Amino acid sequence: MGILSWLFNRPEAAKSNTAAKHQPAQAQSRLAQPDLQATPQIRRDKHFLRVDSLSFLGIYQLSKSKKWAIAWRDADPSVGRGGHRESGLGAYVLADVSSGTVACHGSMARPNNGQVCETGVFCLEDWHFGSTLSGTFSVFDPSGSVILAKELTANIFTSGISKHGKYAFCATGNSPTDHGNKLFLFDLVNRIEMYSVTPKAGWPDSYEVDEGTGELMALFKDMGSFRYNAHGEFMDADQLGDANLNSSHYDRIILAAEKILGEVNLTDECIQEVLIAVQRARSLGADENLAWKPTALKVQGLAHEQLGQYPEAVLVYEEALALNPKIGVKRRLASVSKRIKAE
């Protein structure tokens, strides 16, 4: 039976268990009852974890040692609703994989992106009902008690927990509120928010926390890791800039190049390095992408201009304007053209 068929064709006995409508940040968690402890409690395959006694089927994530599994279902089978919706609680299960039993289970509006550490401490994102930019990031102990819950006025982009449950983090997407485009780190031992900062490393592939130092590392698959210290200060800006310039992604190269050219007191050697990087970005595919080519030409023009290569700057500025009249180089083109006439 497929997951959708299973979710939305539950027997009537299971439907009688429906909870009341969820309010944000009020996840309902329960310890597994004694009658749920018969072995085996859980069954799982590569993608899904099933607990028949709870009429539960959901996707799951394992802890690194594979002792624990956190599973969640962003759907309410009793009313046939899943994903984006206005009502109908989802559910989650923490399973002790080593014993095949349920440690705790509960419900929340829209549970997603669970993570569990080696001690059984786990986190979940509640994406909330409706279309408002919002979410709640919650962390629980293995019994299902809430350690920390952060209600946000922005959608959650990513989240996670450190190896032994000392720290947790989440990052948000864009929002007009103070919570938009922010990176949060939480101390779970003291149950406090350590910081909320705009992520200067941008959008990494993942994050990881060093439990010894409290440093949060932004991990990029093709570039390495770059650190925020325990106060949220980004420590590796120069290293990230260099890594972006040497990246195989033309968008990262172009954005990094433009940022560097906006700095003061650059040496000609540095500007020449940026120019070479932008030209490489164009050859990597930026010229085939009409959304990126005008920006690449603009940044290349800035480099030529700062190096005093005015004829070359005019050529690329003109090409950029032909592709996008609003690219923002009309005044620069006029200024550089006057310089050439004055020589």
Protein backbone atom coordinates (compact mmCIF):
# COMPACT_ATOMS: atom_id res chain seq x y z
CA MET A 1 0.00 0.00 0.00
CA GLY A 2 1.40 3.44 -0.96
CA ILE A 3 1.90 6.13 1.68
CA LEU A 4 -0.92 8.33 0.35
CA SER A 5 -3.33 5.41 0.27
CA TRP A 6 -2.32 4.43 3.79
CA LEU A 7 -2.53 7.98 5.10
CA PHE A 8 -5.93 8.80 3.69
CA ASN A 9 -7.72 5.46 4.03
CA ARG A 10 -7.34 4.73 7.72
CA PRO A 11 -9.86 2.50 9.49
CA GLU A 12 -12.63 4.17 11.47
CA ALA A 13 -11.13 3.03 14.78
CA ALA A 14 -7.99 5.02 14.07
CA LYS A 15 -10.00 8.08 13.04
CA SER A 16 -11.56 8.40 16.48
CA ASN A 17 -8.17 9.51 17.86
CA THR A 18 -8.20 12.95 16.16
CA ALA A 19 -6.80 15.79 18.31
CA ALA A 20 -8.15 19.32 18.65
CA LYS A 21 -6.92 22.04 16.29
CA HIS A 22 -3.29 22.90 16.99
CA GLN A 23 -2.15 26.33 18.08
CA PRO A 24 1.42 27.30 17.00
CA ALA A 25 4.21 26.34 19.42
CA GLN A 26 1.96 24.00 21.44
CA ALA A 27 3.13 20.55 20.33
CA GLN A 28 1.33 17.77 22.17
CA SER A 29 3.78 15.06 23.28
CA ARG A 30 3.14 11.79 25.05
CA LEU A 31 5.25 9.04 26.56
CA ALA A 32 4.66 5.65 25.01
CA GLN A 33 2.06 3.81 27.08
CA PRO A 34 2.83 0.39 28.59
CA ASP A 35 0.60 -1.42 26.08
CA LEU A 36 2.72 0.01 23.27
CA GLN A 37 5.92 -1.63 24.47
CA ALA A 38 5.45 -5.10 22.96
CA THR A 39 8.26 -5.97 20.57
CA PRO A 40 8.51 -5.09 17.78
CA GLN A 41 6.92 -1.64 18.05
CA ILE A 42 8.45 -0.24 14.87
CA ARG A 43 9.14 -1.34 11.33
CA ARG A 44 11.11 0.67 8.83
CA ASP A 45 12.46 0.53 5.30
CA LYS A 46 14.79 2.91 3.50
CA HIS A 47 12.36 5.83 3.60
CA PHE A 48 9.49 5.20 6.03
CA LEU A 49 8.98 4.18 9.64
CA ARG A 50 5.75 2.46 10.67
CA VAL A 51 4.15 1.95 14.09
CA ASP A 52 1.00 -0.11 13.57
CA SER A 53 -0.22 0.27 17.14
CA LEU A 54 -0.28 4.07 16.63
CA SER A 55 -1.56 3.86 13.03
CA PHE A 56 1.54 5.87 12.16
CA LEU A 57 3.60 5.95 8.98
CA GLY A 58 6.13 8.71 8.34
CA ILE A 59 9.50 9.58 6.87
CA TYR A 60 12.39 9.49 9.33
CA GLN A 61 15.98 10.44 10.14
CA LEU A 62 18.44 8.36 12.15
CA SER A 63 21.00 9.52 14.69
CA LYS A 64 24.59 8.97 13.55
CA SER A 65 24.93 5.77 15.58
CA LYS A 66 21.51 4.61 14.28
CA LYS A 67 20.26 4.05 17.83
CA TRP A 68 17.47 6.60 17.51
CA ALA A 69 15.01 7.51 14.77
CA ILE A 70 12.76 10.56 14.64
CA ALA A 71 9.83 10.14 12.26
CA TRP A 72 7.13 12.60 11.28
CA ARG A 73 3.96 12.81 9.20
CA ASP A 74 2.86 16.18 7.85
CA ALA A 75 -0.72 15.01 7.37
CA ASP A 76 -3.94 14.17 9.21
CA PRO A 77 -5.27 10.89 7.79
CA SER A 78 -8.55 11.20 9.71
CA VAL A 79 -9.58 14.17 7.57
CA GLY A 80 -7.59 13.30 4.44
CA ARG A 81 -5.35 16.36 4.50
CA GLY A 82 -1.58 16.63 4.06
CA GLY A 83 0.99 19.33 3.34
CA HIS A 84 -0.29 22.91 3.13
CA ARG A 85 -3.65 23.09 4.91
CA GLU A 86 -5.74 25.06 7.40
CA SER A 87 -6.29 22.29 9.98
CA GLY A 88 -5.65 18.63 10.80
CA LEU A 89 -2.72 17.81 13.08
CA GLY A 90 0.37 15.96 11.94
CA ALA A 91 2.25 13.53 14.15
CA TYR A 92 5.74 12.44 15.16
CA VAL A 93 7.38 9.44 16.79
CA LEU A 94 10.75 9.04 18.50
CA ALA A 95 11.83 5.40 18.20
CA ASP A 96 14.56 3.51 20.03
CA VAL A 97 15.82 1.53 17.05
CA SER A 98 18.05 -0.71 19.16
CA SER A 99 15.05 -2.11 21.06
CA GLY A 100 12.44 -1.58 18.36
CA THR A 101 10.21 0.42 20.70
CA VAL A 102 8.58 3.85 20.82
CA ALA A 103 10.19 6.29 23.26
CA CYS A 104 7.59 9.04 22.82
CA HIS A 105 5.09 10.33 20.30
CA GLY A 106 3.04 13.46 19.84
CA SER A 107 1.29 15.82 17.46
CA MET A 108 1.77 19.29 16.05
CA ALA A 109 0.32 21.23 13.15
CA ARG A 110 2.86 20.46 10.41
CA PRO A 111 5.95 18.58 11.66
CA ASN A 112 8.90 18.56 9.24
CA ASN A 113 12.68 18.09 8.98
CA GLY A 114 13.28 16.20 12.20
CA GLN A 115 16.79 15.54 13.51
CA VAL A 116 17.86 13.38 16.47
CA CYS A 117 21.20 13.23 18.27
CA GLU A 118 23.06 10.42 20.03
CA THR A 119 21.31 11.04 23.37
CA GLY A 120 17.80 10.90 21.91
CA VAL A 121 17.23 14.65 22.10
CA PHE A 122 15.40 15.64 18.92
CA CYS A 123 14.16 18.71 17.07
CA LEU A 124 11.32 19.40 14.65
CA GLU A 125 10.13 22.28 12.51
CA ASP A 126 6.43 23.10 12.71
CA TRP A 127 5.50 24.83 9.45
CA HIS A 128 2.12 26.00 10.83
CA PHE A 129 -1.29 26.00 9.19
CA GLY A 130 -2.20 28.58 6.55
CA SER A 131 -0.02 30.73 4.31
CA THR A 132 1.49 33.17 6.81
CA LEU A 133 5.30 33.34 6.86
CA SER A 134 5.85 31.62 10.20
CA GLY A 135 7.06 28.49 11.96
CA THR A 136 8.07 27.06 15.33
CA PHE A 137 11.41 25.38 15.97
CA SER A 138 11.12 22.95 18.89
CA VAL A 139 13.58 20.70 20.74
CA PHE A 140 12.47 17.78 22.94
CA ASP A 141 14.15 15.38 25.33
CA PRO A 142 13.72 11.60 24.77
CA SER A 143 10.62 11.52 26.98
CA GLY A 144 8.93 14.11 24.74
CA SER A 145 9.22 17.06 27.14
CA VAL A 146 9.91 20.40 25.46
CA ILE A 147 13.43 21.72 26.08
CA LEU A 148 13.05 24.81 23.94
CA ALA A 149 10.54 26.26 21.46
CA LYS A 150 11.15 29.30 19.27
CA GLU A 151 8.13 30.74 17.49
CA LEU A 152 9.17 32.62 14.36
CA THR A 153 7.55 35.15 12.04
CA ALA A 154 9.40 33.70 9.05
CA ASN A 155 9.50 30.31 7.36
CA ILE A 156 12.21 27.96 8.61
CA PHE A 157 14.80 27.25 5.94
CA THR A 158 16.88 24.65 7.78
CA SER A 159 17.57 23.41 11.31
CA GLY A 160 19.51 20.82 13.28
CA ILE A 161 21.00 19.63 16.53
CA SER A 162 24.58 18.95 17.66
CA LYS A 163 25.91 15.39 18.08
CA HIS A 164 25.15 15.02 21.81
CA GLY A 165 22.32 17.54 22.11
CA LYS A 166 24.24 20.45 23.61
CA TYR A 167 23.27 22.94 20.88
CA ALA A 168 20.59 23.39 18.24
CA PHE A 169 20.26 25.85 15.37
CA CYS A 170 17.80 27.06 12.77
CA ALA A 171 17.89 29.48 9.86
CA THR A 172 14.95 31.35 8.32
CA GLY A 173 14.00 32.48 4.84
CA ASN A 174 13.16 36.01 3.80
CA SER A 175 10.41 37.83 5.67
CA PRO A 176 9.54 41.51 6.27
CA THR A 177 9.81 40.90 10.03
CA ASP A 178 12.83 40.89 12.35
CA HIS A 179 12.98 37.09 12.05
CA GLY A 180 13.52 37.16 8.28
CA ASN A 181 16.85 35.85 6.91
CA LYS A 182 18.31 35.06 10.32
CA LEU A 183 20.54 32.36 11.80
CA PHE A 184 19.81 31.26 15.38
CA LEU A 185 21.96 29.23 17.79
CA PHE A 186 20.52 27.78 21.01
CA ASP A 187 22.24 26.46 24.14
CA LEU A 188 20.10 23.45 25.11
CA VAL A 189 21.90 22.86 28.41
CA ASN A 190 20.92 26.30 29.71
CA ARG A 191 17.84 26.54 27.48
CA ILE A 192 18.70 29.94 26.05
CA GLU A 193 19.02 31.60 22.66
CA MET A 194 22.69 32.44 22.19
CA TYR A 195 22.29 34.72 19.18
CA SER A 196 20.30 35.70 16.13
CA VAL A 197 22.34 37.11 13.22
CA THR A 198 22.06 37.73 9.49
CA PRO A 199 23.97 34.79 7.93
CA LYS A 200 27.01 36.41 6.32
CA ALA A 201 28.06 33.07 4.83
CA GLY A 202 24.87 33.02 2.78
CA TRP A 203 23.10 29.71 2.22
CA PRO A 204 25.42 26.74 2.88
CA ASP A 205 24.63 23.12 2.08
CA SER A 206 24.42 22.36 5.81
CA TYR A 207 25.50 23.46 9.29
CA GLU A 208 27.37 21.68 12.07
CA VAL A 209 28.11 22.73 15.67
CA ASP A 210 31.42 22.16 17.45
CA GLU A 211 30.24 21.19 20.94
CA GLY A 212 33.64 22.02 22.44
CA THR A 213 33.79 25.64 21.26
CA GLY A 214 30.18 26.49 20.44
CA GLU A 215 31.26 27.46 16.92
CA LEU A 216 28.65 26.98 14.21
CA MET A 217 30.17 25.89 10.92
CA ALA A 218 28.59 26.65 7.56
CA LEU A 219 29.44 23.71 5.31
CA PHE A 220 29.72 23.98 1.52
CA LYS A 221 30.26 20.70 -0.33
CA ASP A 222 32.76 22.08 -2.81
CA MET A 223 34.44 24.76 -0.65
CA GLY A 224 34.79 23.56 2.95
CA SER A 225 33.58 24.96 6.29
CA PHE A 226 33.41 28.54 7.57
CA ARG A 227 32.85 29.50 11.20
CA TYR A 228 30.59 31.67 13.33
CA ASN A 229 31.90 32.03 16.88
CA ALA A 230 29.80 31.55 20.01
CA HIS A 231 28.64 35.20 19.78
CA GLY A 232 27.47 34.90 16.15
CA GLU A 233 30.42 36.78 14.65
CA PHE A 234 31.46 35.41 11.26
CA MET A 235 35.14 34.56 11.56
CA ASP A 236 36.10 33.37 8.08
CA ALA A 237 34.91 36.12 5.73
CA ASP A 238 38.22 36.37 3.85
CA GLN A 239 38.51 32.61 3.47
CA LEU A 240 34.94 32.38 2.19
CA GLY A 241 35.56 35.18 -0.30
CA ASP A 242 38.62 33.38 -1.67
CA ALA A 243 36.74 30.07 -1.80
CA ASN A 244 33.85 31.65 -3.68
CA LEU A 245 36.20 33.18 -6.24
CA ASN A 246 37.67 29.73 -6.84
CA SER A 247 34.30 27.99 -6.86
CA SER A 248 32.90 26.03 -9.79
CA HIS A 249 29.55 27.87 -9.39
CA TYR A 250 29.41 30.99 -11.54
CA ASP A 251 26.77 32.64 -9.36
CA ARG A 252 28.98 32.40 -6.27
CA ILE A 253 31.96 33.75 -8.21
CA ILE A 254 30.05 36.76 -9.54
CA LEU A 255 28.51 37.71 -6.20
CA ALA A 256 31.84 37.35 -4.39
CA ALA A 257 33.62 39.40 -7.06
CA GLU A 258 31.09 42.22 -6.85
CA LYS A 259 31.40 42.29 -3.06
CA ILE A 260 35.20 42.43 -3.18
CA LEU A 261 35.20 45.23 -5.77
CA GLY A 262 33.04 47.28 -3.40
CA GLU A 263 35.80 47.32 -0.80
CA VAL A 264 38.33 50.14 -0.46
CA ASN A 265 42.10 50.18 -0.90
CA LEU A 266 42.24 47.15 -3.19
CA THR A 267 45.56 46.42 -4.85
CA ASP A 268 45.81 46.03 -8.62
CA GLU A 269 46.86 42.43 -7.99
CA CYS A 270 43.63 41.75 -6.10
CA ILE A 271 41.48 43.43 -8.77
CA GLN A 272 43.23 41.44 -11.50
CA GLU A 273 42.45 38.24 -9.59
CA VAL A 274 38.80 39.25 -9.42
CA LEU A 275 38.74 40.04 -13.13
CA ILE A 276 40.12 36.61 -14.01
CA ALA A 277 37.54 34.99 -11.73
CA VAL A 278 34.63 36.81 -13.40
CA GLN A 279 35.85 35.87 -16.85
CA ARG A 280 36.02 32.27 -15.67
CA ALA A 281 32.46 32.53 -14.32
CA ARG A 282 31.29 33.59 -17.76
CA SER A 283 32.95 30.55 -19.31
CA LEU A 284 31.38 28.28 -16.66
CA GLY A 285 27.88 29.12 -17.86
CA ALA A 286 26.97 32.67 -16.85
CA ASP A 287 26.98 33.75 -20.50
CA GLU A 288 24.33 31.12 -21.27
CA ASN A 289 22.08 32.37 -18.47
CA LEU A 290 20.39 35.63 -19.46
CA ALA A 291 19.58 36.33 -15.82
CA TRP A 292 23.26 36.27 -14.86
CA LYS A 293 25.15 37.45 -17.95
CA PRO A 294 24.34 41.19 -17.51
CA THR A 295 25.54 41.05 -13.90
CA ALA A 296 28.72 39.23 -14.93
CA LEU A 297 29.38 41.91 -17.56
CA LYS A 298 28.72 44.67 -15.04
CA VAL A 299 31.19 43.20 -12.53
CA GLN A 300 33.78 42.63 -15.24
CA GLY A 301 33.36 46.28 -16.24
CA LEU A 302 33.92 47.39 -12.65
CA ALA A 303 37.18 45.46 -12.57
CA HIS A 304 38.36 46.94 -15.88
CA GLU A 305 37.43 50.43 -14.68
CA GLN A 306 39.31 50.07 -11.39
CA LEU A 307 42.36 48.85 -13.30
CA GLY A 308 42.18 51.89 -15.59
CA GLN A 309 41.29 49.71 -18.58
CA TYR A 310 38.65 52.15 -19.84
CA PRO A 311 38.06 50.92 -23.43
CA GLU A 312 37.50 47.38 -22.13
CA ALA A 313 35.11 48.75 -19.47
CA VAL A 314 33.09 50.61 -22.12
CA LEU A 315 32.67 47.46 -24.22
CA VAL A 316 31.31 45.31 -21.40
CA TYR A 317 29.17 48.10 -19.93
CA GLU A 318 27.52 48.62 -23.34
CA GLU A 319 26.90 44.89 -23.71
CA ALA A 320 25.42 44.70 -20.21
CA LEU A 321 23.06 47.62 -20.93
CA ALA A 322 21.97 46.05 -24.22
CA LEU A 323 20.89 42.94 -22.32
CA ASN A 324 19.43 44.78 -19.31
CA PRO A 325 18.91 48.57 -19.50
CA LYS A 326 18.30 48.62 -15.72
CA ILE A 327 21.57 46.89 -14.76
CA GLY A 328 22.82 50.13 -13.21
CA VAL A 329 25.91 51.11 -15.22
CA LYS A 330 24.66 54.03 -17.37
CA ARG A 331 26.43 56.65 -15.26
CA ARG A 332 29.60 54.56 -15.10
CA LEU A 333 29.57 54.17 -18.88
CA ALA A 334 29.19 57.92 -19.32
CA SER A 335 31.97 58.62 -16.82
CA VAL A 336 34.39 56.16 -18.39
CA SER A 337 33.60 57.46 -21.90
CA LYS A 338 34.49 61.01 -20.76
CA ARG A 339 37.80 59.75 -19.38
CA ILE A 340 38.67 58.21 -22.74
CA LYS A 341 37.82 61.45 -24.61
CA ALA A 342 39.90 63.45 -22.15
CA GLU A 343 43.01 61.37 -22.77
